[in-house]
Amino acid sequence: LGLTRWIGTTVGARLREIMSKRADKAGSVRADQQEANEGAQVANLEKALQDAKLRAETAEQQLTAMAAFQVTEEAKKKKKEEEAKKKQEEESEVTKNKAEEEENRKKEEAA
């Protein structure tokens, strides 16, 4: 009876020890899984941040390009307007000169 009790106590103690280790391992596994999940979340957040930065840089470059294009187009338009104005002034000057020449010719003929 003493031997059976000793075996039961020893086996019971050993069984409790094994179960305790299993529980520790299970807790450790859960902790490892949680840590891995948190690590994955951090990696996902870092990637999302990088993507957001890249999109912001791309958008900024696009806005810069659009602004440069708009400035160029406005400069072309202004240059065309100035050329048209200059041409109109030249034509006006030519017309004025012709009118003066015609008037002078008429005065000479009258004289």
C-alpha atoms as a PDB file:
ATOM      1  CA  LEU A   1       0.000   0.000   0.000  1.00  0.00           C
ATOM      2  CA  GLY A   2       2.842   2.386   0.797  1.00  0.00           C
ATOM      3  CA  LEU A   3       4.503   1.588  -2.504  1.00  0.00           C
ATOM      4  CA  THR A   4       1.264   2.174  -4.399  1.00  0.00           C
ATOM      5  CA  ARG A   5       0.770   5.456  -2.613  1.00  0.00           C
ATOM      6  CA  TRP A   6       4.332   6.493  -3.360  1.00  0.00           C
ATOM      7  CA  ILE A   7       3.922   5.525  -7.046  1.00  0.00           C
ATOM      8  CA  GLY A   8       0.574   7.373  -7.196  1.00  0.00           C
ATOM      9  CA  THR A   9       2.062  10.449  -5.563  1.00  0.00           C
ATOM     10  CA  THR A  10       5.171  10.391  -7.718  1.00  0.00           C
ATOM     11  CA  VAL A  11       3.253   9.739 -10.928  1.00  0.00           C
ATOM     12  CA  GLY A  12       0.671  12.358  -9.937  1.00  0.00           C
ATOM     13  CA  ALA A  13       3.418  14.881  -9.234  1.00  0.00           C
ATOM     14  CA  ARG A  14       5.135  14.060 -12.497  1.00  0.00           C
ATOM     15  CA  LEU A  15       1.810  14.297 -14.348  1.00  0.00           C
ATOM     16  CA  ARG A  16       1.109  17.704 -12.779  1.00  0.00           C
ATOM     17  CA  GLU A  17       4.616  18.806 -13.755  1.00  0.00           C
ATOM     18  CA  ILE A  18       4.104  17.688 -17.357  1.00  0.00           C
ATOM     19  CA  MET A  19       0.677  19.354 -17.517  1.00  0.00           C
ATOM     20  CA  SER A  20       2.140  22.522 -16.040  1.00  0.00           C
ATOM     21  CA  LYS A  21       4.903  22.536 -18.659  1.00  0.00           C
ATOM     22  CA  ARG A  22       2.315  21.937 -21.385  1.00  0.00           C
ATOM     23  CA  ALA A  23       0.265  24.857 -20.072  1.00  0.00           C
ATOM     24  CA  ASP A  24       3.417  26.989 -19.987  1.00  0.00           C
ATOM     25  CA  LYS A  25       4.250  25.919 -23.529  1.00  0.00           C
ATOM     26  CA  ALA A  26       0.687  26.604 -24.653  1.00  0.00           C
ATOM     27  CA  GLY A  27       0.867  30.018 -23.006  1.00  0.00           C
ATOM     28  CA  SER A  28       4.248  30.538 -24.599  1.00  0.00           C
ATOM     29  CA  VAL A  29       2.880  29.474 -27.976  1.00  0.00           C
ATOM     30  CA  ARG A  30      -0.039  31.877 -27.548  1.00  0.00           C
ATOM     31  CA  ALA A  31       2.381  34.622 -26.552  1.00  0.00           C
ATOM     32  CA  ASP A  32       4.578  33.820 -29.560  1.00  0.00           C
ATOM     33  CA  GLN A  33       1.536  33.858 -31.826  1.00  0.00           C
ATOM     34  CA  GLN A  34       0.384  37.158 -30.365  1.00  0.00           C
ATOM     35  CA  GLU A  35       3.870  38.589 -30.779  1.00  0.00           C
ATOM     36  CA  ALA A  36       3.966  37.355 -34.368  1.00  0.00           C
ATOM     37  CA  ASN A  37       0.532  38.876 -35.004  1.00  0.00           C
ATOM     38  CA  GLU A  38       1.644  42.176 -33.492  1.00  0.00           C
ATOM     39  CA  GLY A  39       4.826  42.038 -35.570  1.00  0.00           C
ATOM     40  CA  ALA A  40       2.749  41.454 -38.696  1.00  0.00           C
ATOM     41  CA  GLN A  41       0.479  44.358 -37.760  1.00  0.00           C
ATOM     42  CA  VAL A  42       3.491  46.615 -37.269  1.00  0.00           C
ATOM     43  CA  ALA A  43       4.900  45.509 -40.638  1.00  0.00           C
ATOM     44  CA  ASN A  44       1.522  46.161 -42.293  1.00  0.00           C
ATOM     45  CA  LEU A  45       1.314  49.604 -40.713  1.00  0.00           C
ATOM     46  CA  GLU A  46       4.866  50.424 -41.787  1.00  0.00           C
ATOM     47  CA  LYS A  47       4.068  49.317 -45.345  1.00  0.00           C
ATOM     48  CA  ALA A  48       0.857  51.361 -45.322  1.00  0.00           C
ATOM     49  CA  LEU A  49       2.848  54.372 -44.129  1.00  0.00           C
ATOM     50  CA  GLN A  50       5.433  53.866 -46.875  1.00  0.00           C
ATOM     51  CA  ASP A  51       2.662  53.530 -49.457  1.00  0.00           C
ATOM     52  CA  ALA A  52       1.002  56.696 -48.180  1.00  0.00           C
ATOM     53  CA  LYS A  53       4.301  58.582 -48.371  1.00  0.00           C
ATOM     54  CA  LEU A  54       4.878  57.317 -51.897  1.00  0.00           C
ATOM     55  CA  ARG A  55       1.362  58.335 -52.951  1.00  0.00           C
ATOM     56  CA  ALA A  56       1.896  61.776 -51.394  1.00  0.00           C
ATOM     57  CA  GLU A  57       5.209  62.208 -53.229  1.00  0.00           C
ATOM     58  CA  THR A  58       3.622  61.076 -56.484  1.00  0.00           C
ATOM     59  CA  ALA A  59       0.707  63.467 -55.999  1.00  0.00           C
ATOM     60  CA  GLU A  60       3.116  66.298 -55.222  1.00  0.00           C
ATOM     61  CA  GLN A  61       5.126  65.538 -58.368  1.00  0.00           C
ATOM     62  CA  GLN A  62       1.928  65.459 -60.426  1.00  0.00           C
ATOM     63  CA  LEU A  63       0.812  68.794 -58.989  1.00  0.00           C
ATOM     64  CA  THR A  64       4.220  70.285 -59.709  1.00  0.00           C
ATOM     65  CA  ALA A  65       4.094  69.010 -63.279  1.00  0.00           C
ATOM     66  CA  MET A  66       0.564  70.329 -63.730  1.00  0.00           C
ATOM     67  CA  ALA A  67       1.553  73.729 -62.351  1.00  0.00           C
ATOM     68  CA  ALA A  68       4.591  73.881 -64.635  1.00  0.00           C
ATOM     69  CA  PHE A  69       2.426  72.947 -67.631  1.00  0.00           C
ATOM     70  CA  GLN A  70      -0.131  75.612 -66.712  1.00  0.00           C
ATOM     71  CA  VAL A  71       2.557  78.280 -66.338  1.00  0.00           C
ATOM     72  CA  THR A  72       4.024  77.276 -69.704  1.00  0.00           C
ATOM     73  CA  GLU A  73       0.613  77.415 -71.381  1.00  0.00           C
ATOM     74  CA  GLU A  74      -0.105  80.826 -69.854  1.00  0.00           C
ATOM     75  CA  ALA A  75       3.277  82.107 -71.046  1.00  0.00           C
ATOM     76  CA  LYS A  76       2.564  80.843 -74.582  1.00  0.00           C
ATOM     77  CA  LYS A  77      -0.868  82.479 -74.533  1.00  0.00           C
ATOM     78  CA  LYS A  78       0.576  85.775 -73.289  1.00  0.00           C
ATOM     79  CA  LYS A  79       3.276  85.684 -75.960  1.00  0.00           C
ATOM     80  CA  LYS A  80       0.677  85.074 -78.680  1.00  0.00           C
ATOM     81  CA  GLU A  81      -1.436  87.943 -77.365  1.00  0.00           C
ATOM     82  CA  GLU A  82       1.610  90.250 -77.354  1.00  0.00           C
ATOM     83  CA  GLU A  83       2.528  89.192 -80.896  1.00  0.00           C
ATOM     84  CA  ALA A  84      -1.049  89.787 -82.071  1.00  0.00           C
ATOM     85  CA  LYS A  85      -1.096  93.196 -80.400  1.00  0.00           C
ATOM     86  CA  LYS A  86       2.247  94.107 -81.945  1.00  0.00           C
ATOM     87  CA  LYS A  87       1.070  92.951 -85.375  1.00  0.00           C
ATOM     88  CA  GLN A  88      -2.129  94.960 -84.996  1.00  0.00           C
ATOM     89  CA  GLU A  89      -0.123  98.048 -84.003  1.00  0.00           C
ATOM     90  CA  GLU A  90       2.156  97.574 -87.025  1.00  0.00           C
ATOM     91  CA  GLU A  91      -0.843  97.209 -89.333  1.00  0.00           C
ATOM     92  CA  SER A  92      -2.405 100.289 -87.769  1.00  0.00           C
ATOM     93  CA  GLU A  93       0.844 102.200 -88.324  1.00  0.00           C
ATOM     94  CA  VAL A  94       0.983 101.050 -91.964  1.00  0.00           C
ATOM     95  CA  THR A  95      -2.634 102.096 -92.514  1.00  0.00           C
ATOM     96  CA  LYS A  96      -1.943 105.452 -90.866  1.00  0.00           C
ATOM     97  CA  ASN A  97       1.141 105.992 -93.045  1.00  0.00           C
ATOM     98  CA  LYS A  98      -0.800 105.123 -96.189  1.00  0.00           C
ATOM     99  CA  ALA A  99      -3.546 107.551 -95.205  1.00  0.00           C
ATOM    100  CA  GLU A 100      -0.973 110.302 -94.620  1.00  0.00           C
ATOM    101  CA  GLU A 101       0.717 109.547 -97.937  1.00  0.00           C
ATOM    102  CA  GLU A 102      -2.641 109.667 -99.704  1.00  0.00           C
ATOM    103  CA  GLU A 103      -3.470 112.970 -98.000  1.00  0.00           C
ATOM    104  CA  ASN A 104      -0.064 114.414 -98.907  1.00  0.00           C
ATOM    105  CA  ARG A 105      -0.488 113.262-102.516  1.00  0.00           C
ATOM    106  CA  LYS A 106      -3.907 114.936-102.717  1.00  0.00           C
ATOM    107  CA  LYS A 107      -2.440 118.168-101.266  1.00  0.00           C
ATOM    108  CA  GLU A 108       0.353 118.088-103.824  1.00  0.00           C
ATOM    109  CA  GLU A 109      -2.097 117.493-106.661  1.00  0.00           C
ATOM    110  CA  ALA A 110      -4.298 120.314-105.401  1.00  0.00           C
ATOM    111  CA  ALA A 111      -1.302 122.629-105.204  1.00  0.00           C
END
